[in-house]
Amino acid sequence: MTTYTLAIDLKKYMSLILITLFVMLVLLYTLLVNMTYMSAARREKLVETNAALSGELADLEFSLVSARSAVSLEMAYARGFKEVKPEYASRKSIGQALTVRNEI
């Protein structure tokens, strides 16, 4: 008689474990589907934002090219800019090394 009751208890616990595992898997599946949906929605929003920013960048680049083409030397001189003669700095060798050209 104890064998009969042990078999019933074992079946009851196994069915309870299987039902619990099934419910957990359904919840996990629901969570993963929800995360996928939210990720796709975020990606779509980012694509729209990227398109808007790309359009704005194109407008700014066009105005930059227009402003650069409008600048001339006469305009720069009129605004107070002067032409500067560049001065170059050079380094003299500070000693001799075992190189072919004596460069340091």
PDB file of N, CA and C in Angstrom:
ATOM      1  N   MET A   1       0.806  -1.181   0.000  1.00  0.00           N
ATOM      2  CA  MET A   1       0.000   0.000   0.000  1.00  0.00           C
ATOM      3  C   MET A   1       0.864   1.266   0.000  1.00  0.00           C
ATOM      4  N   THR A   2       1.979   1.261   0.632  1.00  0.00           N
ATOM      5  CA  THR A   2       2.850   2.424   0.629  1.00  0.00           C
ATOM      6  C   THR A   2       3.424   2.677  -0.754  1.00  0.00           C
ATOM      7  N   THR A   3       3.639   1.627  -1.508  1.00  0.00           N
ATOM      8  CA  THR A   3       4.150   1.777  -2.868  1.00  0.00           C
ATOM      9  C   THR A   3       3.130   2.522  -3.719  1.00  0.00           C
ATOM     10  N   TYR A   4       1.880   2.245  -3.561  1.00  0.00           N
ATOM     11  CA  TYR A   4       0.822   2.886  -4.311  1.00  0.00           C
ATOM     12  C   TYR A   4       0.763   4.380  -3.990  1.00  0.00           C
ATOM     13  N   THR A   5       0.851   4.739  -2.736  1.00  0.00           N
ATOM     14  CA  THR A   5       0.800   6.150  -2.354  1.00  0.00           C
ATOM     15  C   THR A   5       2.070   6.884  -2.772  1.00  0.00           C
ATOM     16  N   LEU A   6       3.209   6.219  -2.773  1.00  0.00           N
ATOM     17  CA  LEU A   6       4.428   6.869  -3.230  1.00  0.00           C
ATOM     18  C   LEU A   6       4.363   7.158  -4.720  1.00  0.00           C
ATOM     19  N   ALA A   7       3.801   6.271  -5.492  1.00  0.00           N
ATOM     20  CA  ALA A   7       3.686   6.477  -6.927  1.00  0.00           C
ATOM     21  C   ALA A   7       2.756   7.647  -7.226  1.00  0.00           C
ATOM     22  N   ILE A   8       1.690   7.783  -6.469  1.00  0.00           N
ATOM     23  CA  ILE A   8       0.762   8.896  -6.671  1.00  0.00           C
ATOM     24  C   ILE A   8       1.449  10.211  -6.291  1.00  0.00           C
ATOM     25  N   ASP A   9       2.168  10.237  -5.202  1.00  0.00           N
ATOM     26  CA  ASP A   9       2.870  11.453  -4.794  1.00  0.00           C
ATOM     27  C   ASP A   9       3.934  11.836  -5.816  1.00  0.00           C
ATOM     28  N   LEU A  10       4.630  10.839  -6.337  1.00  0.00           N
ATOM     29  CA  LEU A  10       5.656  11.126  -7.336  1.00  0.00           C
ATOM     30  C   LEU A  10       5.035  11.693  -8.605  1.00  0.00           C
ATOM     31  N   LYS A  11       3.922  11.126  -9.054  1.00  0.00           N
ATOM     32  CA  LYS A  11       3.245  11.652 -10.238  1.00  0.00           C
ATOM     33  C   LYS A  11       2.732  13.064  -9.991  1.00  0.00           C
ATOM     34  N   LYS A  12       2.238  13.303  -8.789  1.00  0.00           N
ATOM     35  CA  LYS A  12       1.717  14.628  -8.455  1.00  0.00           C
ATOM     36  C   LYS A  12       2.831  15.665  -8.467  1.00  0.00           C
ATOM     37  N   TYR A  13       3.970  15.345  -7.886  1.00  0.00           N
ATOM     38  CA  TYR A  13       5.091  16.282  -7.852  1.00  0.00           C
ATOM     39  C   TYR A  13       5.698  16.497  -9.236  1.00  0.00           C
ATOM     40  N   MET A  14       5.777  15.433 -10.014  1.00  0.00           N
ATOM     41  CA  MET A  14       6.321  15.573 -11.359  1.00  0.00           C
ATOM     42  C   MET A  14       5.399  16.432 -12.226  1.00  0.00           C
ATOM     43  N   SER A  15       4.095  16.231 -12.110  1.00  0.00           N
ATOM     44  CA  SER A  15       3.162  17.051 -12.885  1.00  0.00           C
ATOM     45  C   SER A  15       3.217  18.507 -12.422  1.00  0.00           C
ATOM     46  N   LEU A  16       3.364  18.737 -11.132  1.00  0.00           N
ATOM     47  CA  LEU A  16       3.488  20.093 -10.610  1.00  0.00           C
ATOM     48  C   LEU A  16       4.770  20.756 -11.130  1.00  0.00           C
ATOM     49  N   ILE A  17       5.863  20.026 -11.166  1.00  0.00           N
ATOM     50  CA  ILE A  17       7.127  20.554 -11.678  1.00  0.00           C
ATOM     51  C   ILE A  17       7.006  20.863 -13.172  1.00  0.00           C
ATOM     52  N   LEU A  18       6.378  19.983 -13.930  1.00  0.00           N
ATOM     53  CA  LEU A  18       6.212  20.202 -15.368  1.00  0.00           C
ATOM     54  C   LEU A  18       5.303  21.399 -15.656  1.00  0.00           C
ATOM     55  N   ILE A  19       4.242  21.539 -14.898  1.00  0.00           N
ATOM     56  CA  ILE A  19       3.339  22.689 -15.082  1.00  0.00           C
ATOM     57  C   ILE A  19       4.077  23.989 -14.748  1.00  0.00           C
ATOM     58  N   THR A  20       4.837  23.978 -13.661  1.00  0.00           N
ATOM     59  CA  THR A  20       5.609  25.161 -13.275  1.00  0.00           C
ATOM     60  C   THR A  20       6.636  25.509 -14.344  1.00  0.00           C
ATOM     61  N   LEU A  21       7.325  24.517 -14.864  1.00  0.00           N
ATOM     62  CA  LEU A  21       8.309  24.736 -15.921  1.00  0.00           C
ATOM     63  C   LEU A  21       7.638  25.277 -17.182  1.00  0.00           C
ATOM     64  N   PHE A  22       6.471  24.752 -17.521  1.00  0.00           N
ATOM     65  CA  PHE A  22       5.744  25.235 -18.690  1.00  0.00           C
ATOM     66  C   PHE A  22       5.332  26.697 -18.524  1.00  0.00           C
ATOM     67  N   VAL A  23       4.831  27.056 -17.356  1.00  0.00           N
ATOM     68  CA  VAL A  23       4.431  28.445 -17.093  1.00  0.00           C
ATOM     69  C   VAL A  23       5.649  29.368 -17.168  1.00  0.00           C
ATOM     70  N   MET A  24       6.770  28.934 -16.623  1.00  0.00           N
ATOM     71  CA  MET A  24       7.982  29.748 -16.674  1.00  0.00           C
ATOM     72  C   MET A  24       8.456  29.935 -18.111  1.00  0.00           C
ATOM     73  N   LEU A  25       8.384  28.896 -18.920  1.00  0.00           N
ATOM     74  CA  LEU A  25       8.783  29.012 -20.320  1.00  0.00           C
ATOM     75  C   LEU A  25       7.857  29.937 -21.101  1.00  0.00           C
ATOM     76  N   VAL A  26       6.569  29.884 -20.814  1.00  0.00           N
ATOM     77  CA  VAL A  26       5.617  30.791 -21.476  1.00  0.00           C
ATOM     78  C   VAL A  26       5.918  32.231 -21.087  1.00  0.00           C
ATOM     79  N   LEU A  27       6.200  32.474 -19.822  1.00  0.00           N
ATOM     80  CA  LEU A  27       6.546  33.830 -19.375  1.00  0.00           C
ATOM     81  C   LEU A  27       7.850  34.307 -20.011  1.00  0.00           C
ATOM     82  N   LEU A  28       8.825  33.424 -20.100  1.00  0.00           N
ATOM     83  CA  LEU A  28      10.096  33.787 -20.740  1.00  0.00           C
ATOM     84  C   LEU A  28       9.890  34.098 -22.215  1.00  0.00           C
ATOM     85  N   TYR A  29       9.075  33.300 -22.886  1.00  0.00           N
ATOM     86  CA  TYR A  29       8.782  33.548 -24.299  1.00  0.00           C
ATOM     87  C   TYR A  29       8.092  34.904 -24.476  1.00  0.00           C
ATOM     88  N   THR A  30       7.146  35.208 -23.617  1.00  0.00           N
ATOM     89  CA  THR A  30       6.441  36.487 -23.684  1.00  0.00           C
ATOM     90  C   THR A  30       7.409  37.647 -23.468  1.00  0.00           C
ATOM     91  N   LEU A  31       8.306  37.504 -22.518  1.00  0.00           N
ATOM     92  CA  LEU A  31       9.295  38.539 -22.257  1.00  0.00           C
ATOM     93  C   LEU A  31      10.206  38.748 -23.464  1.00  0.00           C
ATOM     94  N   LEU A  32      10.664  37.675 -24.079  1.00  0.00           N
ATOM     95  CA  LEU A  32      11.553  37.792 -25.227  1.00  0.00           C
ATOM     96  C   LEU A  32      10.848  38.399 -26.444  1.00  0.00           C
ATOM     97  N   VAL A  33       9.600  38.053 -26.660  1.00  0.00           N
ATOM     98  CA  VAL A  33       8.841  38.645 -27.765  1.00  0.00           C
ATOM     99  C   VAL A  33       8.641  40.134 -27.506  1.00  0.00           C
ATOM    100  N   ASN A  34       8.347  40.512 -26.273  1.00  0.00           N
ATOM    101  CA  ASN A  34       8.168  41.913 -25.916  1.00  0.00           C
ATOM    102  C   ASN A  34       9.476  42.691 -26.119  1.00  0.00           C
ATOM    103  N   MET A  35      10.604  42.109 -25.719  1.00  0.00           N
ATOM    104  CA  MET A  35      11.894  42.777 -25.903  1.00  0.00           C
ATOM    105  C   MET A  35      12.206  42.957 -27.384  1.00  0.00           C
ATOM    106  N   THR A  36      11.868  41.970 -28.209  1.00  0.00           N
ATOM    107  CA  THR A  36      12.090  42.074 -29.651  1.00  0.00           C
ATOM    108  C   THR A  36      11.236  43.182 -30.252  1.00  0.00           C
ATOM    109  N   TYR A  37       9.997  43.259 -29.834  1.00  0.00           N
ATOM    110  CA  TYR A  37       9.091  44.300 -30.330  1.00  0.00           C
ATOM    111  C   TYR A  37       9.592  45.688 -29.933  1.00  0.00           C
ATOM    112  N   MET A  38      10.006  45.843 -28.691  1.00  0.00           N
ATOM    113  CA  MET A  38      10.500  47.143 -28.217  1.00  0.00           C
ATOM    114  C   MET A  38      11.788  47.525 -28.939  1.00  0.00           C
ATOM    115  N   SER A  39      12.647  46.563 -29.192  1.00  0.00           N
ATOM    116  CA  SER A  39      13.887  46.843 -29.915  1.00  0.00           C
ATOM    117  C   SER A  39      13.592  47.300 -31.347  1.00  0.00           C
ATOM    118  N   ALA A  40      12.648  46.672 -31.996  1.00  0.00           N
ATOM    119  CA  ALA A  40      12.288  47.077 -33.358  1.00  0.00           C
ATOM    120  C   ALA A  40      11.685  48.483 -33.364  1.00  0.00           C
ATOM    121  N   ALA A  41      10.882  48.790 -32.370  1.00  0.00           N
ATOM    122  CA  ALA A  41      10.281  50.131 -32.286  1.00  0.00           C
ATOM    123  C   ALA A  41      11.364  51.182 -32.052  1.00  0.00           C
ATOM    124  N   ARG A  42      12.317  50.874 -31.166  1.00  0.00           N
ATOM    125  CA  ARG A  42      13.422  51.813 -30.924  1.00  0.00           C
ATOM    126  C   ARG A  42      14.256  52.015 -32.177  1.00  0.00           C
ATOM    127  N   ARG A  43      14.519  50.941 -32.896  1.00  0.00           N
ATOM    128  CA  ARG A  43      15.313  51.031 -34.120  1.00  0.00           C
ATOM    129  C   ARG A  43      14.600  51.900 -35.148  1.00  0.00           C
ATOM    130  N   GLU A  44      13.298  51.755 -35.263  1.00  0.00           N
ATOM    131  CA  GLU A  44      12.533  52.569 -36.207  1.00  0.00           C
ATOM    132  C   GLU A  44      12.602  54.045 -35.833  1.00  0.00           C
ATOM    133  N   LYS A  45      12.517  54.332 -34.554  1.00  0.00           N
ATOM    134  CA  LYS A  45      12.621  55.725 -34.101  1.00  0.00           C
ATOM    135  C   LYS A  45      14.014  56.281 -34.390  1.00  0.00           C
ATOM    136  N   LEU A  46      15.046  55.474 -34.196  1.00  0.00           N
ATOM    137  CA  LEU A  46      16.401  55.920 -34.484  1.00  0.00           C
ATOM    138  C   LEU A  46      16.610  56.168 -35.975  1.00  0.00           C
ATOM    139  N   VAL A  47      15.995  55.362 -36.813  1.00  0.00           N
ATOM    140  CA  VAL A  47      16.110  55.567 -38.256  1.00  0.00           C
ATOM    141  C   VAL A  47      15.466  56.898 -38.648  1.00  0.00           C
ATOM    142  N   GLU A  48      14.317  57.200 -38.074  1.00  0.00           N
ATOM    143  CA  GLU A  48      13.652  58.477 -38.366  1.00  0.00           C
ATOM    144  C   GLU A  48      14.490  59.653 -37.891  1.00  0.00           C
ATOM    145  N   THR A  49      15.070  59.543 -36.699  1.00  0.00           N
ATOM    146  CA  THR A  49      15.920  60.608 -36.178  1.00  0.00           C
ATOM    147  C   THR A  49      17.161  60.774 -37.044  1.00  0.00           C
ATOM    148  N   ASN A  50      17.727  59.675 -37.484  1.00  0.00           N
ATOM    149  CA  ASN A  50      18.904  59.722 -38.340  1.00  0.00           C
ATOM    150  C   ASN A  50      18.586  60.411 -39.664  1.00  0.00           C
ATOM    151  N   ALA A  51      17.435  60.137 -40.229  1.00  0.00           N
ATOM    152  CA  ALA A  51      17.044  60.782 -41.488  1.00  0.00           C
ATOM    153  C   ALA A  51      16.882  62.287 -41.300  1.00  0.00           C
ATOM    154  N   ALA A  52      16.274  62.683 -40.191  1.00  0.00           N
ATOM    155  CA  ALA A  52      16.095  64.115 -39.931  1.00  0.00           C
ATOM    156  C   ALA A  52      17.442  64.808 -39.734  1.00  0.00           C
ATOM    157  N   LEU A  53      18.327  64.175 -38.982  1.00  0.00           N
ATOM    158  CA  LEU A  53      19.643  64.774 -38.754  1.00  0.00           C
ATOM    159  C   LEU A  53      20.479  64.813 -40.024  1.00  0.00           C
ATOM    160  N   SER A  54      20.350  63.818 -40.884  1.00  0.00           N
ATOM    161  CA  SER A  54      21.076  63.813 -42.149  1.00  0.00           C
ATOM    162  C   SER A  54      20.615  64.965 -43.038  1.00  0.00           C
ATOM    163  N   GLY A  55      19.323  65.229 -43.062  1.00  0.00           N
ATOM    164  CA  GLY A  55      18.803  66.363 -43.829  1.00  0.00           C
ATOM    165  C   GLY A  55      19.319  67.687 -43.300  1.00  0.00           C
ATOM    166  N   GLU A  56      19.333  67.813 -41.977  1.00  0.00           N
ATOM    167  CA  GLU A  56      19.843  69.044 -41.369  1.00  0.00           C
ATOM    168  C   GLU A  56      21.330  69.223 -41.651  1.00  0.00           C
ATOM    169  N   LEU A  57      22.081  68.131 -41.614  1.00  0.00           N
ATOM    170  CA  LEU A  57      23.511  68.196 -41.914  1.00  0.00           C
ATOM    171  C   LEU A  57      23.748  68.607 -43.362  1.00  0.00           C
ATOM    172  N   ALA A  58      22.939  68.108 -44.277  1.00  0.00           N
ATOM    173  CA  ALA A  58      23.079  68.479 -45.687  1.00  0.00           C
ATOM    174  C   ALA A  58      22.819  69.976 -45.873  1.00  0.00           C
ATOM    175  N   ASP A  59      21.823  70.505 -45.162  1.00  0.00           N
ATOM    176  CA  ASP A  59      21.546  71.938 -45.245  1.00  0.00           C
ATOM    177  C   ASP A  59      22.712  72.758 -44.715  1.00  0.00           C
ATOM    178  N   LEU A  60      23.284  72.319 -43.593  1.00  0.00           N
ATOM    179  CA  LEU A  60      24.427  73.043 -43.019  1.00  0.00           C
ATOM    180  C   LEU A  60      25.654  72.979 -43.933  1.00  0.00           C
ATOM    181  N   GLU A  61      25.885  71.835 -44.566  1.00  0.00           N
ATOM    182  CA  GLU A  61      27.011  71.720 -45.488  1.00  0.00           C
ATOM    183  C   GLU A  61      26.817  72.630 -46.698  1.00  0.00           C
ATOM    184  N   PHE A  62      25.584  72.740 -47.185  1.00  0.00           N
ATOM    185  CA  PHE A  62      25.312  73.616 -48.312  1.00  0.00           C
ATOM    186  C   PHE A  62      25.560  75.073 -47.940  1.00  0.00           C
ATOM    187  N   SER A  63      25.124  75.476 -46.744  1.00  0.00           N
ATOM    188  CA  SER A  63      25.367  76.863 -46.329  1.00  0.00           C
ATOM    189  C   SER A  63      26.856  77.110 -46.096  1.00  0.00           C
ATOM    190  N   LEU A  64      27.613  76.104 -45.662  1.00  0.00           N
ATOM    191  CA  LEU A  64      29.057  76.258 -45.505  1.00  0.00           C
ATOM    192  C   LEU A  64      29.727  76.466 -46.850  1.00  0.00           C
ATOM    193  N   VAL A  65      29.348  75.682 -47.840  1.00  0.00           N
ATOM    194  CA  VAL A  65      29.926  75.837 -49.175  1.00  0.00           C
ATOM    195  C   VAL A  65      29.565  77.203 -49.750  1.00  0.00           C
ATOM    196  N   SER A  66      28.336  77.645 -49.519  1.00  0.00           N
ATOM    197  CA  SER A  66      27.917  78.962 -50.005  1.00  0.00           C
ATOM    198  C   SER A  66      28.719  80.064 -49.327  1.00  0.00           C
ATOM    199  N   ALA A  67      28.935  79.951 -48.025  1.00  0.00           N
ATOM    200  CA  ALA A  67      29.699  80.976 -47.305  1.00  0.00           C
ATOM    201  C   ALA A  67      31.159  80.971 -47.743  1.00  0.00           C
ATOM    202  N   ARG A  68      31.728  79.806 -47.990  1.00  0.00           N
ATOM    203  CA  ARG A  68      33.125  79.747 -48.437  1.00  0.00           C
ATOM    204  C   ARG A  68      33.295  80.365 -49.819  1.00  0.00           C
ATOM    205  N   SER A  69      32.338  80.155 -50.689  1.00  0.00           N
ATOM    206  CA  SER A  69      32.471  80.708 -52.031  1.00  0.00           C
ATOM    207  C   SER A  69      32.275  82.226 -52.030  1.00  0.00           C
ATOM    208  N   ALA A  70      31.600  82.763 -51.019  1.00  0.00           N
ATOM    209  CA  ALA A  70      31.371  84.201 -50.948  1.00  0.00           C
ATOM    210  C   ALA A  70      32.594  84.952 -50.420  1.00  0.00           C
ATOM    211  N   VAL A  71      33.524  84.276 -49.771  1.00  0.00           N
ATOM    212  CA  VAL A  71      34.692  84.931 -49.192  1.00  0.00           C
ATOM    213  C   VAL A  71      35.739  85.147 -50.282  1.00  0.00           C
ATOM    214  N   SER A  72      36.299  86.368 -50.330  1.00  0.00           N
ATOM    215  CA  SER A  72      37.367  86.676 -51.275  1.00  0.00           C
ATOM    216  C   SER A  72      38.474  87.415 -50.528  1.00  0.00           C
ATOM    217  N   LEU A  73      39.602  87.604 -51.185  1.00  0.00           N
ATOM    218  CA  LEU A  73      40.716  88.331 -50.552  1.00  0.00           C
ATOM    219  C   LEU A  73      40.329  89.771 -50.262  1.00  0.00           C
ATOM    220  N   GLU A  74      39.604  90.407 -51.178  1.00  0.00           N
ATOM    221  CA  GLU A  74      39.194  91.795 -50.958  1.00  0.00           C
ATOM    222  C   GLU A  74      38.297  91.911 -49.730  1.00  0.00           C
ATOM    223  N   MET A  75      37.391  90.962 -49.577  1.00  0.00           N
ATOM    224  CA  MET A  75      36.491  90.975 -48.416  1.00  0.00           C
ATOM    225  C   MET A  75      37.288  90.765 -47.125  1.00  0.00           C
ATOM    226  N   ALA A  76      38.265  89.872 -47.168  1.00  0.00           N
ATOM    227  CA  ALA A  76      39.077  89.618 -45.977  1.00  0.00           C
ATOM    228  C   ALA A  76      39.895  90.842 -45.606  1.00  0.00           C
ATOM    229  N   TYR A  77      40.499  91.508 -46.598  1.00  0.00           N
ATOM    230  CA  TYR A  77      41.270  92.734 -46.314  1.00  0.00           C
ATOM    231  C   TYR A  77      40.357  93.829 -45.784  1.00  0.00           C
ATOM    232  N   ALA A  78      39.139  93.899 -46.301  1.00  0.00           N
ATOM    233  CA  ALA A  78      38.194  94.917 -45.836  1.00  0.00           C
ATOM    234  C   ALA A  78      37.772  94.656 -44.394  1.00  0.00           C
ATOM    235  N   ARG A  79      37.751  93.413 -43.989  1.00  0.00           N
ATOM    236  CA  ARG A  79      37.360  93.073 -42.619  1.00  0.00           C
ATOM    237  C   ARG A  79      38.522  93.162 -41.632  1.00  0.00           C
ATOM    238  N   GLY A  80      39.713  93.482 -42.115  1.00  0.00           N
ATOM    239  CA  GLY A  80      40.837  93.691 -41.214  1.00  0.00           C
ATOM    240  C   GLY A  80      41.839  92.550 -41.164  1.00  0.00           C
ATOM    241  N   PHE A  81      41.708  91.570 -42.006  1.00  0.00           N
ATOM    242  CA  PHE A  81      42.681  90.485 -42.017  1.00  0.00           C
ATOM    243  C   PHE A  81      43.933  90.928 -42.761  1.00  0.00           C
ATOM    244  N   LYS A  82      45.076  90.429 -42.336  1.00  0.00           N
ATOM    245  CA  LYS A  82      46.337  90.745 -42.983  1.00  0.00           C
ATOM    246  C   LYS A  82      47.009  89.454 -43.412  1.00  0.00           C
ATOM    247  N   GLU A  83      47.854  89.564 -44.406  1.00  0.00           N
ATOM    248  CA  GLU A  83      48.610  88.404 -44.847  1.00  0.00           C
ATOM    249  C   GLU A  83      49.856  88.296 -43.971  1.00  0.00           C
ATOM    250  N   VAL A  84      50.112  87.137 -43.484  1.00  0.00           N
ATOM    251  CA  VAL A  84      51.218  86.916 -42.556  1.00  0.00           C
ATOM    252  C   VAL A  84      52.268  86.068 -43.256  1.00  0.00           C
ATOM    253  N   LYS A  85      53.517  86.475 -43.078  1.00  0.00           N
ATOM    254  CA  LYS A  85      54.606  85.676 -43.619  1.00  0.00           C
ATOM    255  C   LYS A  85      54.951  84.596 -42.596  1.00  0.00           C
ATOM    256  N   PRO A  86      54.943  83.354 -43.005  1.00  0.00           N
ATOM    257  CA  PRO A  86      55.204  82.282 -42.044  1.00  0.00           C
ATOM    258  C   PRO A  86      56.667  82.235 -41.637  1.00  0.00           C
ATOM    259  N   GLU A  87      56.901  81.917 -40.390  1.00  0.00           N
ATOM    260  CA  GLU A  87      58.246  81.706 -39.881  1.00  0.00           C
ATOM    261  C   GLU A  87      58.356  80.240 -39.500  1.00  0.00           C
ATOM    262  N   TYR A  88      59.389  79.597 -39.981  1.00  0.00           N
ATOM    263  CA  TYR A  88      59.562  78.178 -39.743  1.00  0.00           C
ATOM    264  C   TYR A  88      60.640  77.970 -38.691  1.00  0.00           C
ATOM    265  N   ALA A  89      60.425  77.052 -37.832  1.00  0.00           N
ATOM    266  CA  ALA A  89      61.408  76.701 -36.813  1.00  0.00           C
ATOM    267  C   ALA A  89      62.115  75.431 -37.257  1.00  0.00           C
ATOM    268  N   SER A  90      63.408  75.428 -37.093  1.00  0.00           N
ATOM    269  CA  SER A  90      64.156  74.221 -37.420  1.00  0.00           C
ATOM    270  C   SER A  90      64.989  73.829 -36.221  1.00  0.00           C
ATOM    271  N   ARG A  91      65.292  72.587 -36.143  1.00  0.00           N
ATOM    272  CA  ARG A  91      66.070  72.087 -35.023  1.00  0.00           C
ATOM    273  C   ARG A  91      67.461  71.713 -35.528  1.00  0.00           C
ATOM    274  N   LYS A  92      68.450  72.249 -34.881  1.00  0.00           N
ATOM    275  CA  LYS A  92      69.818  71.894 -35.230  1.00  0.00           C
ATOM    276  C   LYS A  92      70.166  70.597 -34.514  1.00  0.00           C
ATOM    277  N   SER A  93      71.105  69.872 -35.077  1.00  0.00           N
ATOM    278  CA  SER A  93      71.471  68.625 -34.423  1.00  0.00           C
ATOM    279  C   SER A  93      72.200  68.947 -33.130  1.00  0.00           C
ATOM    280  N   ILE A  94      71.906  68.181 -32.110  1.00  0.00           N
ATOM    281  CA  ILE A  94      72.496  68.441 -30.799  1.00  0.00           C
ATOM    282  C   ILE A  94      73.621  67.468 -30.479  1.00  0.00           C
ATOM    283  N   GLY A  95      74.005  66.707 -31.422  1.00  0.00           N
ATOM    284  CA  GLY A  95      75.089  65.766 -31.213  1.00  0.00           C
ATOM    285  C   GLY A  95      75.171  64.794 -32.357  1.00  0.00           C
ATOM    286  N   GLN A  96      76.086  63.921 -32.288  1.00  0.00           N
ATOM    287  CA  GLN A  96      76.225  62.944 -33.362  1.00  0.00           C
ATOM    288  C   GLN A  96      75.740  61.586 -32.877  1.00  0.00           C
ATOM    289  N   ALA A  97      75.090  60.931 -33.779  1.00  0.00           N
ATOM    290  CA  ALA A  97      74.600  59.587 -33.478  1.00  0.00           C
ATOM    291  C   ALA A  97      75.098  58.655 -34.566  1.00  0.00           C
ATOM    292  N   LEU A  98      74.876  57.412 -34.375  1.00  0.00           N
ATOM    293  CA  LEU A  98      75.335  56.422 -35.340  1.00  0.00           C
ATOM    294  C   LEU A  98      74.287  56.240 -36.442  1.00  0.00           C
ATOM    295  N   THR A  99      74.019  57.321 -37.155  1.00  0.00           N
ATOM    296  CA  THR A  99      73.094  57.255 -38.282  1.00  0.00           C
ATOM    297  C   THR A  99      73.861  57.650 -39.542  1.00  0.00           C
ATOM    298  N   VAL A 100      73.236  57.396 -40.659  1.00  0.00           N
ATOM    299  CA  VAL A 100      73.905  57.677 -41.927  1.00  0.00           C
ATOM    300  C   VAL A 100      73.938  59.177 -42.194  1.00  0.00           C
ATOM    301  N   ARG A 101      72.833  59.891 -41.877  1.00  0.00           N
ATOM    302  CA  ARG A 101      72.754  61.308 -42.216  1.00  0.00           C
ATOM    303  C   ARG A 101      72.987  62.222 -41.026  1.00  0.00           C
ATOM    304  N   ASN A 102      73.274  61.709 -39.892  1.00  0.00           N
ATOM    305  CA  ASN A 102      73.494  62.497 -38.681  1.00  0.00           C
ATOM    306  C   ASN A 102      72.252  63.298 -38.298  1.00  0.00           C
ATOM    307  N   GLU A 103      71.103  62.623 -38.236  1.00  0.00           N
ATOM    308  CA  GLU A 103      69.853  63.260 -37.854  1.00  0.00           C
ATOM    309  C   GLU A 103      69.435  62.757 -36.485  1.00  0.00           C
ATOM    310  N   ILE A 104      68.935  63.653 -35.727  1.00  0.00           N
ATOM    311  CA  ILE A 104      68.421  63.262 -34.415  1.00  0.00           C
ATOM    312  C   ILE A 104      66.975  63.665 -34.316  1.00  0.00           C
TER     313      ILE A 104
END
